[in-house]
PDB file of N, CA and C in Angstrom:
ATOM      1  N   UNK A   1       0.827  -1.196   0.000  1.00  0.00           N
ATOM      2  CA  UNK A   1       0.000   0.000   0.000  1.00  0.00           C
ATOM      3  C   UNK A   1       0.869   1.256   0.000  1.00  0.00           C
ATOM      4  N   UNK A   2       1.982   1.239   0.733  1.00  0.00           N
ATOM      5  CA  UNK A   2       2.866   2.398   0.776  1.00  0.00           C
ATOM      6  C   UNK A   2       3.441   2.691  -0.597  1.00  0.00           C
ATOM      7  N   UNK A   3       3.790   1.646  -1.315  1.00  0.00           N
ATOM      8  CA  UNK A   3       4.370   1.803  -2.659  1.00  0.00           C
ATOM      9  C   UNK A   3       3.369   2.486  -3.589  1.00  0.00           C
ATOM     10  N   UNK A   4       2.113   2.136  -3.455  1.00  0.00           N
ATOM     11  CA  UNK A   4       1.062   2.731  -4.294  1.00  0.00           C
ATOM     12  C   UNK A   4       0.917   4.226  -3.996  1.00  0.00           C
ATOM     13  N   UNK A   5       0.965   4.599  -2.729  1.00  0.00           N
ATOM     14  CA  UNK A   5       0.870   6.012  -2.339  1.00  0.00           C
ATOM     15  C   UNK A   5       2.063   6.804  -2.850  1.00  0.00           C
ATOM     16  N   UNK A   6       3.248   6.205  -2.800  1.00  0.00           N
ATOM     17  CA  UNK A   6       4.447   6.884  -3.292  1.00  0.00           C
ATOM     18  C   UNK A   6       4.331   7.152  -4.788  1.00  0.00           C
ATOM     19  N   UNK A   7       3.810   6.176  -5.530  1.00  0.00           N
ATOM     20  CA  UNK A   7       3.642   6.345  -6.983  1.00  0.00           C
ATOM     21  C   UNK A   7       2.611   7.432  -7.279  1.00  0.00           C
ATOM     22  N   UNK A   8       1.550   7.430  -6.491  1.00  0.00           N
ATOM     23  CA  UNK A   8       0.502   8.438  -6.676  1.00  0.00           C
ATOM     24  C   UNK A   8       1.052   9.839  -6.406  1.00  0.00           C
ATOM     25  N   UNK A   9       1.814   9.969  -5.329  1.00  0.00           N
ATOM     26  CA  UNK A   9       2.411  11.267  -4.988  1.00  0.00           C
ATOM     27  C   UNK A   9       3.390  11.701  -6.067  1.00  0.00           C
ATOM     28  N   UNK A  10       4.204  10.768  -6.552  1.00  0.00           N
ATOM     29  CA  UNK A  10       5.154  11.076  -7.619  1.00  0.00           C
ATOM     30  C   UNK A  10       4.418  11.524  -8.881  1.00  0.00           C
ATOM     31  N   UNK A  11       3.349  10.834  -9.221  1.00  0.00           N
ATOM     32  CA  UNK A  11       2.556  11.192 -10.403  1.00  0.00           C
ATOM     33  C   UNK A  11       1.938  12.583 -10.248  1.00  0.00           C
ATOM     34  N   UNK A  12       1.399  12.875  -9.086  1.00  0.00           N
ATOM     35  CA  UNK A  12       0.808  14.197  -8.839  1.00  0.00           C
ATOM     36  C   UNK A  12       1.872  15.293  -8.880  1.00  0.00           C
ATOM     37  N   UNK A  13       3.040  15.024  -8.328  1.00  0.00           N
ATOM     38  CA  UNK A  13       4.135  16.001  -8.379  1.00  0.00           C
ATOM     39  C   UNK A  13       4.566  16.263  -9.818  1.00  0.00           C
ATOM     40  N   UNK A  14       4.679  15.200 -10.611  1.00  0.00           N
ATOM     41  CA  UNK A  14       5.049  15.362 -12.028  1.00  0.00           C
ATOM     42  C   UNK A  14       3.988  16.162 -12.777  1.00  0.00           C
ATOM     43  N   UNK A  15       2.713  15.874 -12.507  1.00  0.00           N
ATOM     44  CA  UNK A  15       1.627  16.608 -13.160  1.00  0.00           C
ATOM     45  C   UNK A  15       1.684  18.084 -12.777  1.00  0.00           C
ATOM     46  N   UNK A  16       1.959  18.364 -11.517  1.00  0.00           N
ATOM     47  CA  UNK A  16       2.065  19.746 -11.058  1.00  0.00           C
ATOM     48  C   UNK A  16       3.220  20.462 -11.751  1.00  0.00           C
ATOM     49  N   UNK A  17       4.371  19.811 -11.816  1.00  0.00           N
ATOM     50  CA  UNK A  17       5.546  20.422 -12.445  1.00  0.00           C
ATOM     51  C   UNK A  17       5.290  20.688 -13.921  1.00  0.00           C
ATOM     52  N   UNK A  18       4.672  19.741 -14.617  1.00  0.00           N
ATOM     53  CA  UNK A  18       4.367  19.936 -16.039  1.00  0.00           C
ATOM     54  C   UNK A  18       3.367  21.075 -16.240  1.00  0.00           C
ATOM     55  N   UNK A  19       2.357  21.136 -15.395  1.00  0.00           N
ATOM     56  CA  UNK A  19       1.360  22.209 -15.498  1.00  0.00           C
ATOM     57  C   UNK A  19       1.995  23.567 -15.215  1.00  0.00           C
ATOM     58  N   UNK A  20       2.783  23.647 -14.155  1.00  0.00           N
ATOM     59  CA  UNK A  20       3.449  24.910 -13.815  1.00  0.00           C
ATOM     60  C   UNK A  20       4.409  25.323 -14.927  1.00  0.00           C
ATOM     61  N   UNK A  21       5.139  24.364 -15.488  1.00  0.00           N
ATOM     62  CA  UNK A  21       6.052  24.658 -16.596  1.00  0.00           C
ATOM     63  C   UNK A  21       5.308  25.158 -17.817  1.00  0.00           C
ATOM     64  N   UNK A  22       4.162  24.547 -18.115  1.00  0.00           N
ATOM     65  CA  UNK A  22       3.350  24.988 -19.252  1.00  0.00           C
ATOM     66  C   UNK A  22       2.839  26.405 -19.068  1.00  0.00           C
ATOM     67  N   UNK A  23       2.371  26.708 -17.877  1.00  0.00           N
ATOM     68  CA  UNK A  23       1.888  28.064 -17.590  1.00  0.00           C
ATOM     69  C   UNK A  23       3.031  29.069 -17.691  1.00  0.00           C
ATOM     70  N   UNK A  24       4.195  28.710 -17.165  1.00  0.00           N
ATOM     71  CA  UNK A  24       5.358  29.592 -17.229  1.00  0.00           C
ATOM     72  C   UNK A  24       5.755  29.863 -18.678  1.00  0.00           C
ATOM     73  N   UNK A  25       5.794  28.832 -19.507  1.00  0.00           N
ATOM     74  CA  UNK A  25       6.127  29.016 -20.926  1.00  0.00           C
ATOM     75  C   UNK A  25       5.098  29.901 -21.624  1.00  0.00           C
ATOM     76  N   UNK A  26       3.827  29.690 -21.300  1.00  0.00           N
ATOM     77  CA  UNK A  26       2.767  30.502 -21.893  1.00  0.00           C
ATOM     78  C   UNK A  26       2.962  31.976 -21.543  1.00  0.00           C
ATOM     79  N   UNK A  27       3.241  32.258 -20.284  1.00  0.00           N
ATOM     80  CA  UNK A  27       3.417  33.645 -19.847  1.00  0.00           C
ATOM     81  C   UNK A  27       4.687  34.273 -20.410  1.00  0.00           C
ATOM     82  N   UNK A  28       5.746  33.498 -20.527  1.00  0.00           N
ATOM     83  CA  UNK A  28       6.995  34.030 -21.076  1.00  0.00           C
ATOM     84  C   UNK A  28       6.878  34.350 -22.564  1.00  0.00           C
ATOM     85  N   UNK A  29       5.983  33.658 -23.259  1.00  0.00           N
ATOM     86  CA  UNK A  29       5.797  33.889 -24.691  1.00  0.00           C
ATOM     87  C   UNK A  29       4.698  34.903 -24.995  1.00  0.00           C
ATOM     88  N   UNK A  30       4.101  35.482 -23.970  1.00  0.00           N
ATOM     89  CA  UNK A  30       3.042  36.474 -24.174  1.00  0.00           C
ATOM     90  C   UNK A  30       3.629  37.715 -24.852  1.00  0.00           C
ATOM     91  N   UNK A  31       2.848  38.351 -25.721  1.00  0.00           N
ATOM     92  CA  UNK A  31       3.355  39.554 -26.397  1.00  0.00           C
ATOM     93  C   UNK A  31       3.539  40.704 -25.411  1.00  0.00           C
ATOM     94  N   UNK A  32       4.403  41.630 -25.785  1.00  0.00           N
ATOM     95  CA  UNK A  32       4.626  42.803 -24.939  1.00  0.00           C
ATOM     96  C   UNK A  32       3.403  43.710 -24.965  1.00  0.00           C
ATOM     97  N   UNK A  33       3.262  44.504 -23.939  1.00  0.00           N
ATOM     98  CA  UNK A  33       2.154  45.446 -23.837  1.00  0.00           C
ATOM     99  C   UNK A  33       2.322  46.531 -24.901  1.00  0.00           C
ATOM    100  N   UNK A  34       1.268  46.763 -25.690  1.00  0.00           N
ATOM    101  CA  UNK A  34       1.352  47.753 -26.766  1.00  0.00           C
ATOM    102  C   UNK A  34       0.406  48.931 -26.563  1.00  0.00           C
ATOM    103  N   UNK A  35      -0.502  48.813 -25.613  1.00  0.00           N
ATOM    104  CA  UNK A  35      -1.469  49.881 -25.382  1.00  0.00           C
ATOM    105  C   UNK A  35      -0.787  51.076 -24.721  1.00  0.00           C
ATOM    106  N   UNK A  36      -1.101  52.250 -25.227  1.00  0.00           N
ATOM    107  CA  UNK A  36      -0.520  53.480 -24.675  1.00  0.00           C
ATOM    108  C   UNK A  36      -1.009  53.695 -23.245  1.00  0.00           C
ATOM    109  N   UNK A  37      -0.131  54.169 -22.394  1.00  0.00           N
ATOM    110  CA  UNK A  37      -0.508  54.507 -21.019  1.00  0.00           C
ATOM    111  C   UNK A  37      -1.291  55.820 -21.028  1.00  0.00           C
ATOM    112  N   UNK A  38      -1.975  56.082 -19.941  1.00  0.00           N
ATOM    113  CA  UNK A  38      -2.695  57.343 -19.792  1.00  0.00           C
ATOM    114  C   UNK A  38      -1.677  58.477 -19.879  1.00  0.00           C
ATOM    115  N   UNK A  39      -1.887  59.435 -20.787  1.00  0.00           N
ATOM    116  CA  UNK A  39      -0.901  60.511 -20.955  1.00  0.00           C
ATOM    117  C   UNK A  39      -0.678  61.305 -19.668  1.00  0.00           C
ATOM    118  N   UNK A  40       0.556  61.752 -19.492  1.00  0.00           N
ATOM    119  CA  UNK A  40       0.887  62.608 -18.341  1.00  0.00           C
ATOM    120  C   UNK A  40       0.968  64.041 -18.845  1.00  0.00           C
ATOM    121  N   UNK A  41      -0.188  64.599 -19.135  1.00  0.00           N
ATOM    122  CA  UNK A  41      -0.248  65.981 -19.603  1.00  0.00           C
ATOM    123  C   UNK A  41      -1.255  66.749 -18.757  1.00  0.00           C
ATOM    124  N   UNK A  42      -1.410  68.007 -19.081  1.00  0.00           N
ATOM    125  CA  UNK A  42      -2.288  68.879 -18.303  1.00  0.00           C
ATOM    126  C   UNK A  42      -3.745  68.404 -18.337  1.00  0.00           C
ATOM    127  N   UNK A  43      -4.179  67.912 -19.489  1.00  0.00           N
ATOM    128  CA  UNK A  43      -5.571  67.475 -19.653  1.00  0.00           C
ATOM    129  C   UNK A  43      -5.881  66.257 -18.780  1.00  0.00           C
ATOM    130  N   UNK A  44      -4.957  65.311 -18.732  1.00  0.00           N
ATOM    131  CA  UNK A  44      -5.195  64.059 -18.024  1.00  0.00           C
ATOM    132  C   UNK A  44      -4.671  64.050 -16.586  1.00  0.00           C
ATOM    133  N   UNK A  45      -4.083  65.145 -16.131  1.00  0.00           N
ATOM    134  CA  UNK A  45      -3.484  65.201 -14.787  1.00  0.00           C
ATOM    135  C   UNK A  45      -4.492  64.862 -13.692  1.00  0.00           C
ATOM    136  N   UNK A  46      -5.719  65.349 -13.824  1.00  0.00           N
ATOM    137  CA  UNK A  46      -6.719  65.099 -12.782  1.00  0.00           C
ATOM    138  C   UNK A  46      -7.062  63.615 -12.657  1.00  0.00           C
ATOM    139  N   UNK A  47      -6.929  62.858 -13.747  1.00  0.00           N
ATOM    140  CA  UNK A  47      -7.251  61.429 -13.705  1.00  0.00           C
ATOM    141  C   UNK A  47      -6.177  60.631 -12.969  1.00  0.00           C
ATOM    142  N   UNK A  48      -4.962  61.139 -12.952  1.00  0.00           N
ATOM    143  CA  UNK A  48      -3.888  60.480 -12.210  1.00  0.00           C
ATOM    144  C   UNK A  48      -4.086  60.650 -10.708  1.00  0.00           C
ATOM    145  N   UNK A  49      -4.770  61.703 -10.310  1.00  0.00           N
ATOM    146  CA  UNK A  49      -4.961  62.007  -8.894  1.00  0.00           C
ATOM    147  C   UNK A  49      -6.163  61.290  -8.284  1.00  0.00           C
ATOM    148  N   UNK A  50      -7.124  60.876  -9.115  1.00  0.00           N
ATOM    149  CA  UNK A  50      -8.319  60.189  -8.618  1.00  0.00           C
ATOM    150  C   UNK A  50      -7.938  58.760  -8.246  1.00  0.00           C
ATOM    151  N   UNK A  51      -8.181  58.371  -7.006  1.00  0.00           N
ATOM    152  CA  UNK A  51      -7.756  57.051  -6.519  1.00  0.00           C
ATOM    153  C   UNK A  51      -8.513  55.906  -7.192  1.00  0.00           C
ATOM    154  N   UNK A  52      -9.808  56.061  -7.367  1.00  0.00           N
ATOM    155  CA  UNK A  52     -10.636  54.994  -7.931  1.00  0.00           C
ATOM    156  C   UNK A  52     -10.612  55.023  -9.456  1.00  0.00           C
ATOM    157  N   UNK A  53     -10.263  53.888 -10.065  1.00  0.00           N
ATOM    158  CA  UNK A  53     -10.251  53.813 -11.531  1.00  0.00           C
ATOM    159  C   UNK A  53     -11.647  54.071 -12.087  1.00  0.00           C
ATOM    160  N   UNK A  54     -12.654  53.440 -11.472  1.00  0.00           N
ATOM    161  CA  UNK A  54     -14.024  53.592 -11.971  1.00  0.00           C
ATOM    162  C   UNK A  54     -14.497  55.037 -11.883  1.00  0.00           C
ATOM    163  N   UNK A  55     -14.090  55.720 -10.835  1.00  0.00           N
ATOM    164  CA  UNK A  55     -14.460  57.134 -10.683  1.00  0.00           C
ATOM    165  C   UNK A  55     -13.781  57.971 -11.759  1.00  0.00           C
ATOM    166  N   UNK A  56     -12.528  57.676 -12.044  1.00  0.00           N
ATOM    167  CA  UNK A  56     -11.786  58.417 -13.069  1.00  0.00           C
ATOM    168  C   UNK A  56     -12.366  58.156 -14.456  1.00  0.00           C
ATOM    169  N   UNK A  57     -12.778  56.919 -14.720  1.00  0.00           N
ATOM    170  CA  UNK A  57     -13.297  56.553 -16.041  1.00  0.00           C
ATOM    171  C   UNK A  57     -14.615  57.237 -16.380  1.00  0.00           C
ATOM    172  N   UNK A  58     -15.329  57.701 -15.381  1.00  0.00           N
ATOM    173  CA  UNK A  58     -16.609  58.373 -15.628  1.00  0.00           C
ATOM    174  C   UNK A  58     -16.433  59.640 -16.457  1.00  0.00           C
ATOM    175  N   UNK A  59     -15.246  60.226 -16.446  1.00  0.00           N
ATOM    176  CA  UNK A  59     -15.009  61.486 -17.144  1.00  0.00           C
ATOM    177  C   UNK A  59     -14.393  61.321 -18.529  1.00  0.00           C
ATOM    178  N   UNK A  60     -13.995  60.123 -18.896  1.00  0.00           N
ATOM    179  CA  UNK A  60     -13.306  59.906 -20.177  1.00  0.00           C
ATOM    180  C   UNK A  60     -14.173  60.282 -21.379  1.00  0.00           C
ATOM    181  N   UNK A  61     -15.463  59.976 -21.287  1.00  0.00           N
ATOM    182  CA  UNK A  61     -16.341  60.228 -22.433  1.00  0.00           C
ATOM    183  C   UNK A  61     -16.612  61.711 -22.665  1.00  0.00           C
ATOM    184  N   UNK A  62     -16.187  62.575 -21.756  1.00  0.00           N
ATOM    185  CA  UNK A  62     -16.344  64.016 -21.988  1.00  0.00           C
ATOM    186  C   UNK A  62     -15.590  64.427 -23.251  1.00  0.00           C
ATOM    187  N   UNK A  63     -14.406  63.878 -23.453  1.00  0.00           N
ATOM    188  CA  UNK A  63     -13.587  64.207 -24.636  1.00  0.00           C
ATOM    189  C   UNK A  63     -13.572  63.080 -25.664  1.00  0.00           C
ATOM    190  N   UNK A  64     -13.661  61.846 -25.177  1.00  0.00           N
ATOM    191  CA  UNK A  64     -13.548  60.688 -26.064  1.00  0.00           C
ATOM    192  C   UNK A  64     -14.930  60.150 -26.432  1.00  0.00           C
ATOM    193  N   UNK A  65     -15.670  60.933 -27.202  1.00  0.00           N
ATOM    194  CA  UNK A  65     -16.965  60.505 -27.734  1.00  0.00           C
ATOM    195  C   UNK A  65     -17.015  60.897 -29.206  1.00  0.00           C
ATOM    196  N   UNK A  66     -18.072  60.532 -29.911  1.00  0.00           N
ATOM    197  CA  UNK A  66     -18.171  60.792 -31.362  1.00  0.00           C
ATOM    198  C   UNK A  66     -17.926  62.243 -31.724  1.00  0.00           C
ATOM    199  N   UNK A  67     -18.462  63.154 -30.948  1.00  0.00           N
ATOM    200  CA  UNK A  67     -18.343  64.583 -31.244  1.00  0.00           C
ATOM    201  C   UNK A  67     -17.332  65.288 -30.350  1.00  0.00           C
ATOM    202  N   UNK A  68     -16.566  64.530 -29.595  1.00  0.00           N
ATOM    203  CA  UNK A  68     -15.615  65.113 -28.654  1.00  0.00           C
ATOM    204  C   UNK A  68     -14.324  65.567 -29.304  1.00  0.00           C
ATOM    205  N   UNK A  69     -13.434  66.080 -28.500  1.00  0.00           N
ATOM    206  CA  UNK A  69     -12.138  66.585 -28.946  1.00  0.00           C
ATOM    207  C   UNK A  69     -11.277  65.457 -29.512  1.00  0.00           C
ATOM    208  N   UNK A  70     -11.334  64.279 -28.898  1.00  0.00           N
ATOM    209  CA  UNK A  70     -10.519  63.138 -29.328  1.00  0.00           C
ATOM    210  C   UNK A  70     -11.390  61.883 -29.397  1.00  0.00           C
ATOM    211  N   UNK A  71     -12.197  61.749 -30.475  1.00  0.00           N
ATOM    212  CA  UNK A  71     -13.077  60.583 -30.577  1.00  0.00           C
ATOM    213  C   UNK A  71     -12.281  59.278 -30.679  1.00  0.00           C
ATOM    214  N   UNK A  72     -12.879  58.208 -30.192  1.00  0.00           N
ATOM    215  CA  UNK A  72     -12.233  56.900 -30.254  1.00  0.00           C
ATOM    216  C   UNK A  72     -12.327  56.340 -31.670  1.00  0.00           C
ATOM    217  N   UNK A  73     -11.321  55.589 -32.111  1.00  0.00           N
ATOM    218  CA  UNK A  73     -11.359  55.013 -33.455  1.00  0.00           C
ATOM    219  C   UNK A  73     -12.411  53.911 -33.557  1.00  0.00           C
ATOM    220  N   UNK A  74     -12.828  53.609 -34.779  1.00  0.00           N
ATOM    221  CA  UNK A  74     -13.782  52.519 -35.003  1.00  0.00           C
ATOM    222  C   UNK A  74     -13.187  51.214 -34.481  1.00  0.00           C
ATOM    223  N   UNK A  75     -14.011  50.378 -33.913  1.00  0.00           N
ATOM    224  CA  UNK A  75     -13.556  49.091 -33.413  1.00  0.00           C
ATOM    225  C   UNK A  75     -12.859  49.144 -32.059  1.00  0.00           C
ATOM    226  N   UNK A  76     -12.883  50.313 -31.413  1.00  0.00           N
ATOM    227  CA  UNK A  76     -12.266  50.442 -30.087  1.00  0.00           C
ATOM    228  C   UNK A  76     -13.053  49.596 -29.089  1.00  0.00           C
ATOM    229  N   UNK A  77     -12.372  48.899 -28.181  1.00  0.00           N
ATOM    230  CA  UNK A  77     -13.073  48.076 -27.173  1.00  0.00           C
ATOM    231  C   UNK A  77     -14.023  48.916 -26.318  1.00  0.00           C
ATOM    232  N   UNK A  78     -14.797  48.269 -25.445  1.00  0.00           N
ATOM    233  CA  UNK A  78     -15.789  48.978 -24.623  1.00  0.00           C
ATOM    234  C   UNK A  78     -15.235  50.246 -23.991  1.00  0.00           C
ATOM    235  N   UNK A  79     -16.056  51.268 -24.018  1.00  0.00           N
ATOM    236  CA  UNK A  79     -15.618  52.601 -23.602  1.00  0.00           C
ATOM    237  C   UNK A  79     -15.724  52.830 -22.099  1.00  0.00           C
ATOM    238  N   UNK A  80     -16.209  51.859 -21.356  1.00  0.00           N
ATOM    239  CA  UNK A  80     -16.405  52.058 -19.925  1.00  0.00           C
ATOM    240  C   UNK A  80     -15.270  51.474 -19.078  1.00  0.00           C
ATOM    241  N   UNK A  81     -14.244  50.900 -19.691  1.00  0.00           N
ATOM    242  CA  UNK A  81     -13.108  50.330 -18.953  1.00  0.00           C
ATOM    243  C   UNK A  81     -11.795  50.906 -19.460  1.00  0.00           C
ATOM    244  N   UNK A  82     -11.708  52.197 -19.596  1.00  0.00           N
ATOM    245  CA  UNK A  82     -10.530  52.870 -20.170  1.00  0.00           C
ATOM    246  C   UNK A  82      -9.233  52.511 -19.455  1.00  0.00           C
ATOM    247  N   UNK A  83      -9.243  52.590 -18.136  1.00  0.00           N
ATOM    248  CA  UNK A  83      -8.009  52.406 -17.369  1.00  0.00           C
ATOM    249  C   UNK A  83      -7.646  50.939 -17.159  1.00  0.00           C
ATOM    250  N   UNK A  84      -8.448  50.043 -17.718  1.00  0.00           N
ATOM    251  CA  UNK A  84      -8.072  48.627 -17.707  1.00  0.00           C
ATOM    252  C   UNK A  84      -6.908  48.419 -18.665  1.00  0.00           C
ATOM    253  N   UNK A  85      -6.955  49.087 -19.816  1.00  0.00           N
ATOM    254  CA  UNK A  85      -5.881  48.987 -20.821  1.00  0.00           C
ATOM    255  C   UNK A  85      -4.910  50.157 -20.734  1.00  0.00           C
ATOM    256  N   UNK A  86      -5.445  51.369 -20.638  1.00  0.00           N
ATOM    257  CA  UNK A  86      -4.611  52.576 -20.595  1.00  0.00           C
ATOM    258  C   UNK A  86      -4.223  52.841 -19.141  1.00  0.00           C
ATOM    259  N   UNK A  87      -3.194  52.157 -18.709  1.00  0.00           N
ATOM    260  CA  UNK A  87      -2.793  52.190 -17.302  1.00  0.00           C
ATOM    261  C   UNK A  87      -2.169  53.524 -16.893  1.00  0.00           C
ATOM    262  N   UNK A  88      -2.394  53.862 -15.626  1.00  0.00           N
ATOM    263  CA  UNK A  88      -1.716  55.021 -15.045  1.00  0.00           C
ATOM    264  C   UNK A  88      -0.355  54.544 -14.569  1.00  0.00           C
ATOM    265  N   UNK A  89       0.662  55.370 -14.730  1.00  0.00           N
ATOM    266  CA  UNK A  89       2.017  54.960 -14.316  1.00  0.00           C
ATOM    267  C   UNK A  89       2.189  54.975 -12.829  1.00  0.00           C
TER     268      UNK A  89
END
């Protein structure tokens, strides 16, 4: 019975190592981040100071709408999660 438990433990350890190795390889081969960070300029300065991302995102559509100063390009992902991709430094 002890021999069977040792084999089971060895098999589980091998499965864990293979899974962890696969995840590590997947993460190491991930592409680099290409999305622009939130600009550090006078216009966006107030968004860097707001602690809550969701609170800061409420103001993005003031300028980034169809008729705004800087409309979003066609095919842009959902407009309610700006700081998910455009990270603050």
